[in-house]
Protein backbone atom coordinates (compact mmCIF):
# COMPACT_ATOMS: atom_id res chain seq x y z
CA MET A 1 0.00 0.00 0.00
CA SER A 2 2.80 2.41 0.82
CA ASP A 3 4.36 1.94 -2.63
CA LEU A 4 1.08 2.85 -4.27
CA LEU A 5 0.67 5.97 -2.12
CA LEU A 6 4.23 7.15 -2.75
CA CYS A 7 3.90 6.67 -6.49
CA ALA A 8 0.57 8.52 -6.53
CA ILE A 9 1.97 11.43 -4.51
CA PHE A 10 5.08 11.85 -6.66
CA THR A 11 2.96 11.69 -9.79
CA ALA A 12 0.75 14.43 -8.33
CA PHE A 13 3.82 16.68 -8.08
CA THR A 14 4.52 16.08 -11.76
CA MET A 15 0.92 16.65 -12.80
CA VAL A 16 0.72 19.98 -10.99
CA ARG A 17 3.97 21.09 -12.59
CA VAL A 18 2.76 20.10 -16.08
CA ILE A 19 -0.81 21.41 -15.84
CA LYS A 20 -0.65 24.46 -13.56
CA GLY A 21 3.01 25.52 -13.51
CA SER A 22 5.29 26.25 -10.59
CA TRP A 23 4.51 24.73 -7.21
CA LEU A 24 5.52 27.90 -5.40
CA ARG A 25 2.97 30.01 -7.28
CA ASN A 26 0.22 27.38 -7.01
CA PRO A 27 0.45 25.60 -3.63
CA GLN A 28 -3.32 25.17 -3.52
CA TYR A 29 -3.20 23.00 -6.64
CA LEU A 30 -0.36 20.96 -5.20
CA ALA A 31 -2.42 20.32 -2.07
CA THR A 32 -5.52 19.33 -4.03
CA GLY A 33 -3.44 17.21 -6.41
CA ILE A 34 -1.87 15.30 -3.54
CA LEU A 35 -5.22 14.91 -1.81
CA GLY A 36 -6.84 13.65 -5.01
CA ALA A 37 -4.00 11.20 -5.60
CA VAL A 38 -4.22 9.83 -2.06
CA VAL A 39 -8.00 9.48 -2.26
CA GLY A 40 -7.65 7.73 -5.62
CA ALA A 41 -5.06 5.35 -4.20
CA LEU A 42 -7.22 4.56 -1.18
CA LEU A 43 -10.25 3.94 -3.38
CA LEU A 44 -8.18 1.66 -5.59
CA HIS A 45 -7.00 -0.23 -2.53
CA ALA A 46 -10.57 -0.54 -1.25
CA PHE A 47 -11.89 -2.04 -4.49
CA TRP A 48 -8.85 -3.87 -5.91
CA PRO A 49 -6.31 -4.64 -3.18
CA ALA A 50 -4.32 -6.90 -5.53
CA TYR A 51 -2.94 -3.84 -7.34
CA ASP A 52 -1.07 -2.54 -4.29
CA ASP A 53 2.36 -3.39 -5.63
CA ASP A 54 1.83 -2.40 -9.25
CA PHE A 55 3.98 0.58 -10.25
CA ILE A 56 2.04 1.40 -13.43
CA VAL A 57 -1.35 1.34 -11.73
CA GLY A 58 0.03 3.64 -9.03
CA GLY A 59 1.18 6.10 -11.67
CA VAL A 60 -2.15 6.05 -13.46
CA THR A 61 -3.94 6.47 -10.13
CA GLY A 62 -1.74 9.46 -9.37
CA ILE A 63 -2.40 11.01 -12.77
CA PHE A 64 -6.17 10.69 -12.65
CA GLY A 65 -6.45 11.34 -8.92
CA SER A 66 -4.44 14.54 -9.03
CA TRP A 67 -6.24 15.72 -12.15
CA ALA A 68 -9.61 15.01 -10.50
CA GLY A 69 -8.56 16.89 -7.36
CA MET A 70 -7.47 19.94 -9.34
CA ALA A 71 -10.59 19.84 -11.54
CA LEU A 72 -12.85 19.62 -8.49
CA PHE A 73 -11.00 22.53 -6.89
CA ASP A 74 -11.44 24.62 -10.05
CA ALA A 75 -15.13 23.72 -10.18
CA ILE A 76 -15.64 24.73 -6.55
CA LEU A 77 -13.85 28.04 -7.14
CA GLY A 78 -15.95 28.61 -10.26
CA MET A 79 -19.14 28.20 -8.25
CA ALA A 80 -18.10 30.70 -5.59
């Protein structure tokens, strides 16, 4: 489980850098990206615990989880 979480978190750093730019100018997106990646990894573990040690699945979980976190954050800010 820890390998999956680490891979998802490090992928969230990359996704924020690619999509939103510098981490220092956008710490809110880094936080939501990490939170989305961790939630995605925990959901994956809850439904498919056999994928805990898979490096590729952890990366894909990090990509989609961090993207979903940032998209949800943008949607919430757009509503306010």
